[in-house]
Amino acid sequence: MIKSMTAFGRAEKEDEGRTYIVEIRTLNRRYLEVLVRLPRQWFPMEDRVKKLIGGKIARGRVDVSVKVKDRAETVSRIEVNVPLAQACLRALRDLNRTLELEERIGLKMLLAMEGVVTATEPEVDLDRSWKTLSSCIGEALEGVDAMRISEGKTVYDDFQKRLGLVDNGFSKIKALSPSILSEYHDRLHERITVLTEGKVELDPNRLAQEVAFLVDKGDITEEIVRAQSHLKQFRGMIESEGAAGRSLDFLLQELNREVNTIGSKVGDAELSQVVVSLKSELEKIREQVQNVE
């Protein structure tokens, strides 16, 4: 069954003194777009994360946030560049004298100078840690998938209701279309009578030919058959397991094309009203399709 593109999933795992926290948010997009936020040391894992996400999600924007907390000290070594600190101190004192300032130069000022103090973070074995991180991402994806399925069921139910209304609309058009022949005959007869002020005797055979020409020009059988075929395909796609959003969007464009053609061909007031209702329902379906994977 179809899935929604809007969902959220979160997972947390602990391993070897580290806590991994993964949050995944998905939104509707025409194509797949994966954005990953990782701690600095974990940047090399970005492609792996994207590949993992791409294997589970076919369409939509996916925001992935990965946080890694170390229970041990996050800094293994602090190094002070003494020669650089001495050079900075001399430069600041020279500047004081040159500008005739009495600014106190202290440790706080020196520590603010770039490169004087550096913190060396502990090495991380990324390949070894990937097993836990990928498992955490997979768990968060399971939460995302569950929500997408749940939301998809709601959209599916709405589709079924509106497709029923669209089906009824086309059935009504099909049932009313035979009456167009009689209406064309009466309207054409009345118009010719008015124009000739009743002084010209109408040839029944010629009148029938003209009516037949108009009916053929306004025949909507082909459009109805194609529209019903599109509806059948639409129903089949929303039952499928794969990503169907783009195909559904294409089918809706074709359905709208058939409805517009029918609307341009028929002049009957009742039929025109049905066409307007069909357009309204198809627009509501289109809005829902935008959120289908």
Protein backbone atom coordinates (compact mmCIF):
# COMPACT_ATOMS: atom_id res chain seq x y z
CA MET A 1 0.00 0.00 0.00
CA ILE A 2 1.09 3.61 -0.58
CA LYS A 3 3.15 5.47 2.01
CA SER A 4 3.14 9.09 3.07
CA MET A 5 6.32 11.14 2.76
CA THR A 6 5.86 12.89 6.14
CA ALA A 7 7.18 11.10 9.22
CA PHE A 8 9.60 11.13 12.17
CA GLY A 9 11.75 8.45 13.79
CA ARG A 10 14.22 8.39 16.67
CA ALA A 11 16.59 5.79 18.08
CA GLU A 12 19.26 5.67 20.78
CA LYS A 13 21.96 3.04 21.38
CA GLU A 14 24.96 2.65 23.68
CA ASP A 15 28.18 0.83 22.89
CA GLU A 16 31.74 0.97 24.26
CA GLY A 17 31.16 4.07 26.34
CA ARG A 18 29.39 5.99 23.57
CA THR A 19 25.74 6.94 23.17
CA TYR A 20 24.42 7.23 19.61
CA ILE A 21 21.29 9.32 19.05
CA VAL A 22 19.67 9.39 15.60
CA GLU A 23 16.66 11.49 14.60
CA ILE A 24 15.14 11.30 11.11
CA ARG A 25 12.50 13.65 9.73
CA THR A 26 10.96 13.21 6.28
CA LEU A 27 9.01 15.70 4.19
CA ASN A 28 7.45 15.65 0.73
CA ARG A 29 9.72 16.38 -2.22
CA ARG A 30 9.57 15.47 -5.91
CA TYR A 31 12.83 13.50 -5.72
CA LEU A 32 14.96 11.99 -2.95
CA GLU A 33 17.00 14.58 -1.05
CA VAL A 34 19.03 13.43 1.97
CA LEU A 35 20.63 15.95 4.34
CA VAL A 36 22.92 14.53 7.06
CA ARG A 37 24.26 16.31 10.15
CA LEU A 38 27.17 14.48 11.81
CA PRO A 39 29.77 15.32 14.50
CA ARG A 40 32.98 16.61 12.94
CA GLN A 41 34.95 13.41 13.44
CA TRP A 42 32.18 11.42 11.79
CA PHE A 43 32.01 13.41 8.52
CA PRO A 44 33.62 10.54 6.55
CA MET A 45 30.51 8.44 7.33
CA GLU A 46 28.15 10.78 5.42
CA ASP A 47 28.10 8.74 2.20
CA ARG A 48 27.42 5.53 4.12
CA VAL A 49 24.49 7.16 5.92
CA LYS A 50 23.03 8.47 2.66
CA LYS A 51 23.36 5.06 1.02
CA LEU A 52 21.60 3.42 3.96
CA ILE A 53 18.75 5.97 3.78
CA GLY A 54 18.48 5.62 -0.01
CA GLY A 55 18.01 1.88 0.35
CA LYS A 56 14.87 2.41 2.44
CA ILE A 57 13.31 5.63 1.14
CA ALA A 58 12.62 6.33 -2.54
CA ARG A 59 11.28 9.89 -2.52
CA GLY A 60 11.10 12.92 -0.25
CA ARG A 61 13.39 15.16 1.77
CA VAL A 62 15.13 13.29 4.58
CA ASP A 63 16.82 15.21 7.42
CA VAL A 64 19.14 12.97 9.45
CA SER A 65 20.65 14.19 12.72
CA VAL A 66 23.37 12.04 14.34
CA LYS A 67 24.75 12.84 17.80
CA VAL A 68 27.50 10.84 19.50
CA LYS A 69 28.14 11.35 23.23
CA ASP A 70 31.26 9.96 24.88
CA ARG A 71 30.99 8.95 28.52
CA ALA A 72 34.77 9.23 28.80
CA GLU A 73 36.71 12.46 28.39
CA THR A 74 35.96 13.92 24.98
CA VAL A 75 39.48 15.43 24.86
CA SER A 76 42.47 13.17 25.30
CA ARG A 77 45.23 15.78 25.22
CA ILE A 78 45.64 19.56 25.56
CA GLU A 79 48.70 21.05 23.89
CA VAL A 80 50.10 24.53 24.40
CA ASN A 81 52.22 26.07 21.66
CA VAL A 82 54.68 27.90 23.92
CA PRO A 83 56.78 29.53 21.14
CA LEU A 84 53.60 30.87 19.54
CA ALA A 85 52.37 32.17 22.92
CA GLN A 86 55.70 33.95 23.51
CA ALA A 87 55.59 35.48 20.02
CA CYS A 88 52.01 36.68 20.58
CA LEU A 89 52.97 38.19 23.95
CA ARG A 90 55.88 40.10 22.42
CA ALA A 91 53.69 41.35 19.58
CA LEU A 92 50.98 42.54 21.98
CA ARG A 93 53.52 44.33 24.19
CA ASP A 94 55.04 46.04 21.12
CA LEU A 95 51.55 47.12 20.06
CA ASN A 96 50.91 48.52 23.54
CA ARG A 97 54.05 50.61 23.38
CA THR A 98 53.48 51.77 19.81
CA LEU A 99 49.95 52.93 20.54
CA GLU A 100 50.93 54.20 23.99
CA LEU A 101 48.31 52.03 25.62
CA GLU A 102 48.24 50.64 29.12
CA GLU A 103 46.17 47.57 28.23
CA ARG A 104 46.88 44.71 30.62
CA ILE A 105 48.02 41.64 28.70
CA GLY A 106 47.00 38.51 30.56
CA LEU A 107 46.54 34.80 30.11
CA LYS A 108 42.94 35.20 28.97
CA MET A 109 44.05 37.33 26.01
CA LEU A 110 46.75 34.86 25.02
CA LEU A 111 44.40 31.88 25.24
CA ALA A 112 42.06 33.66 22.78
CA MET A 113 44.83 33.72 20.16
CA GLU A 114 44.30 31.03 17.55
CA GLY A 115 46.71 28.11 17.77
CA VAL A 116 48.09 28.86 21.23
CA VAL A 117 46.06 26.05 22.79
CA THR A 118 44.83 23.03 20.82
CA ALA A 119 42.66 20.14 21.96
CA THR A 120 43.34 16.76 20.45
CA GLU A 121 40.23 14.63 20.33
CA PRO A 122 40.48 10.87 20.84
CA GLU A 123 40.76 8.77 17.71
CA VAL A 124 37.55 7.04 16.64
CA ASP A 125 37.56 3.70 14.86
CA LEU A 126 34.80 4.60 12.39
CA ASP A 127 34.63 1.19 10.73
CA ARG A 128 34.20 -0.51 14.10
CA SER A 129 31.62 2.05 15.25
CA TRP A 130 29.61 1.84 12.01
CA LYS A 131 27.93 -1.40 13.10
CA THR A 132 26.31 0.32 16.09
CA LEU A 133 25.59 3.56 14.26
CA SER A 134 24.01 1.79 11.26
CA SER A 135 21.88 -0.29 13.62
CA CYS A 136 20.71 2.90 15.33
CA ILE A 137 19.88 4.50 11.97
CA GLY A 138 18.01 1.35 10.96
CA GLU A 139 15.92 1.49 14.13
CA ALA A 140 15.06 5.15 13.52
CA LEU A 141 14.10 4.25 9.94
CA GLU A 142 11.72 1.60 11.27
CA GLY A 143 9.94 4.32 13.24
CA VAL A 144 9.81 6.52 10.15
CA ASP A 145 8.44 3.66 8.06
CA ALA A 146 5.73 2.84 10.62
CA MET A 147 4.53 6.44 10.60
CA ARG A 148 4.66 6.65 6.80
CA ILE A 149 2.55 3.50 6.53
CA SER A 150 0.03 4.84 9.06
CA GLU A 151 -0.25 8.18 7.28
CA GLY A 152 -0.40 6.36 3.94
CA LYS A 153 -3.41 4.36 5.14
CA THR A 154 -5.26 7.61 5.88
CA VAL A 155 -4.43 8.95 2.41
CA TYR A 156 -5.44 5.60 0.86
CA ASP A 157 -8.87 5.73 2.53
CA ASP A 158 -9.38 9.29 1.28
CA PHE A 159 -8.39 8.23 -2.24
CA GLN A 160 -10.92 5.40 -2.22
CA LYS A 161 -13.71 7.75 -1.16
CA ARG A 162 -12.89 10.37 -3.78
CA LEU A 163 -12.26 7.83 -6.54
CA GLY A 164 -15.76 6.52 -5.88
CA LEU A 165 -17.14 10.01 -6.40
CA VAL A 166 -15.12 10.41 -9.61
CA ASP A 167 -16.35 7.02 -10.85
CA ASN A 168 -19.94 8.07 -10.18
CA GLY A 169 -19.35 11.31 -12.08
CA PHE A 170 -18.13 9.52 -15.19
CA SER A 171 -20.99 7.02 -14.95
CA LYS A 172 -23.44 9.91 -14.79
CA ILE A 173 -21.87 11.54 -17.85
CA LYS A 174 -22.03 8.22 -19.70
CA ALA A 175 -25.70 7.81 -18.79
CA LEU A 176 -26.64 11.37 -19.81
CA SER A 177 -24.68 11.48 -23.08
CA PRO A 178 -27.29 9.56 -25.20
CA SER A 179 -29.86 12.27 -24.48
CA ILE A 180 -27.60 14.76 -26.28
CA LEU A 181 -28.83 13.46 -29.67
CA SER A 182 -32.44 14.39 -28.90
CA GLU A 183 -31.41 17.73 -27.42
CA TYR A 184 -29.25 18.60 -30.45
CA HIS A 185 -32.19 17.75 -32.74
CA ASP A 186 -34.66 19.95 -30.82
CA ARG A 187 -32.24 22.89 -30.42
CA LEU A 188 -31.17 22.84 -34.06
CA HIS A 189 -34.79 22.60 -35.24
CA GLU A 190 -35.78 25.50 -32.97
CA ARG A 191 -32.86 27.67 -34.06
CA ILE A 192 -33.49 27.14 -37.79
CA THR A 193 -37.19 27.83 -37.30
CA VAL A 194 -36.43 31.11 -35.51
CA LEU A 195 -33.90 32.20 -38.15
CA THR A 196 -36.25 31.43 -41.06
CA GLU A 197 -39.31 32.71 -39.16
CA GLY A 198 -40.99 29.39 -39.95
CA LYS A 199 -41.17 30.14 -43.69
CA VAL A 200 -38.86 27.29 -44.72
CA GLU A 201 -39.99 23.70 -44.50
CA LEU A 202 -37.22 21.64 -42.90
CA ASP A 203 -36.02 18.48 -44.59
CA PRO A 204 -36.05 15.77 -41.85
CA ASN A 205 -33.21 13.85 -43.52
CA ARG A 206 -30.97 16.92 -43.80
CA LEU A 207 -31.77 17.86 -40.22
CA ALA A 208 -30.84 14.34 -39.09
CA GLN A 209 -27.53 14.59 -40.99
CA GLU A 210 -26.65 17.90 -39.31
CA VAL A 211 -27.55 16.52 -35.89
CA ALA A 212 -25.44 13.41 -36.54
CA PHE A 213 -22.50 15.63 -37.51
CA LEU A 214 -22.80 17.64 -34.29
CA VAL A 215 -23.16 14.50 -32.19
CA ASP A 216 -20.06 12.97 -33.81
CA LYS A 217 -18.12 16.16 -33.18
CA GLY A 218 -19.21 16.17 -29.57
CA ASP A 219 -18.84 12.42 -28.97
CA ILE A 220 -17.17 11.78 -25.59
CA THR A 221 -17.12 7.99 -25.62
CA GLU A 222 -13.37 7.83 -26.21
CA GLU A 223 -12.64 10.24 -23.36
CA ILE A 224 -14.83 8.29 -20.94
CA VAL A 225 -13.17 4.97 -21.87
CA ARG A 226 -9.68 6.45 -21.37
CA ALA A 227 -10.67 8.09 -18.08
CA GLN A 228 -12.07 4.82 -16.72
CA SER A 229 -8.84 3.08 -17.75
CA HIS A 230 -6.80 5.72 -15.88
CA LEU A 231 -8.97 5.23 -12.79
CA LYS A 232 -8.38 1.49 -12.90
CA GLN A 233 -4.61 2.05 -13.10
CA PHE A 234 -4.78 4.57 -10.26
CA ARG A 235 -6.52 2.04 -8.01
CA GLY A 236 -3.93 -0.60 -8.87
CA MET A 237 -1.05 1.74 -8.03
CA ILE A 238 -2.32 2.73 -4.60
CA GLU A 239 -2.43 -0.97 -3.73
CA SER A 240 1.21 -1.49 -4.78
CA GLU A 241 4.15 -1.71 -2.37
CA GLY A 242 6.59 0.47 -4.31
CA ALA A 243 6.84 4.24 -4.65
CA ALA A 244 3.88 5.36 -6.77
CA GLY A 245 3.62 9.10 -6.19
CA ARG A 246 5.10 10.30 -9.48
CA SER A 247 3.06 7.78 -11.51
CA LEU A 248 -0.11 8.80 -9.68
CA ASP A 249 0.64 12.44 -10.43
CA PHE A 250 1.00 11.62 -14.15
CA LEU A 251 -2.31 9.69 -14.18
CA LEU A 252 -4.07 12.65 -12.55
CA GLN A 253 -2.79 14.94 -15.30
CA GLU A 254 -4.24 12.55 -17.88
CA LEU A 255 -7.56 12.36 -16.03
CA ASN A 256 -7.76 16.14 -15.92
CA ARG A 257 -7.03 16.24 -19.65
CA GLU A 258 -9.97 13.90 -20.37
CA VAL A 259 -12.32 15.89 -18.12
CA ASN A 260 -11.32 19.17 -19.78
CA THR A 261 -11.93 17.66 -23.22
CA ILE A 262 -15.36 16.41 -22.15
CA GLY A 263 -16.16 19.85 -20.75
CA SER A 264 -15.24 21.52 -24.04
CA LYS A 265 -17.37 19.11 -26.05
CA VAL A 266 -20.61 19.05 -24.10
CA GLY A 267 -22.91 22.05 -23.93
CA ASP A 268 -25.53 20.46 -21.73
CA ALA A 269 -25.99 22.32 -18.43
CA GLU A 270 -26.38 19.18 -16.32
CA LEU A 271 -23.31 17.55 -17.86
CA SER A 272 -21.29 20.73 -17.38
CA GLN A 273 -22.19 20.71 -13.70
CA VAL A 274 -20.92 17.12 -13.38
CA VAL A 275 -17.66 18.14 -15.11
CA VAL A 276 -17.14 20.95 -12.57
CA SER A 277 -17.67 18.48 -9.70
CA LEU A 278 -15.18 16.08 -11.26
CA LYS A 279 -12.54 18.80 -11.52
CA SER A 280 -13.05 19.65 -7.85
CA GLU A 281 -12.58 16.05 -6.72
CA LEU A 282 -9.52 15.54 -8.92
CA GLU A 283 -7.92 18.67 -7.43
CA LYS A 284 -8.45 17.28 -3.91
CA ILE A 285 -6.85 14.00 -4.99
CA ARG A 286 -3.93 15.90 -6.54
CA GLU A 287 -3.26 17.67 -3.23
CA GLN A 288 -3.04 14.30 -1.47
CA VAL A 289 -0.82 12.79 -4.17
CA GLN A 290 1.83 15.44 -3.42
CA ASN A 291 2.50 13.66 -0.12
CA VAL A 292 2.66 10.10 -1.50
CA GLU A 293 6.07 8.46 -1.83
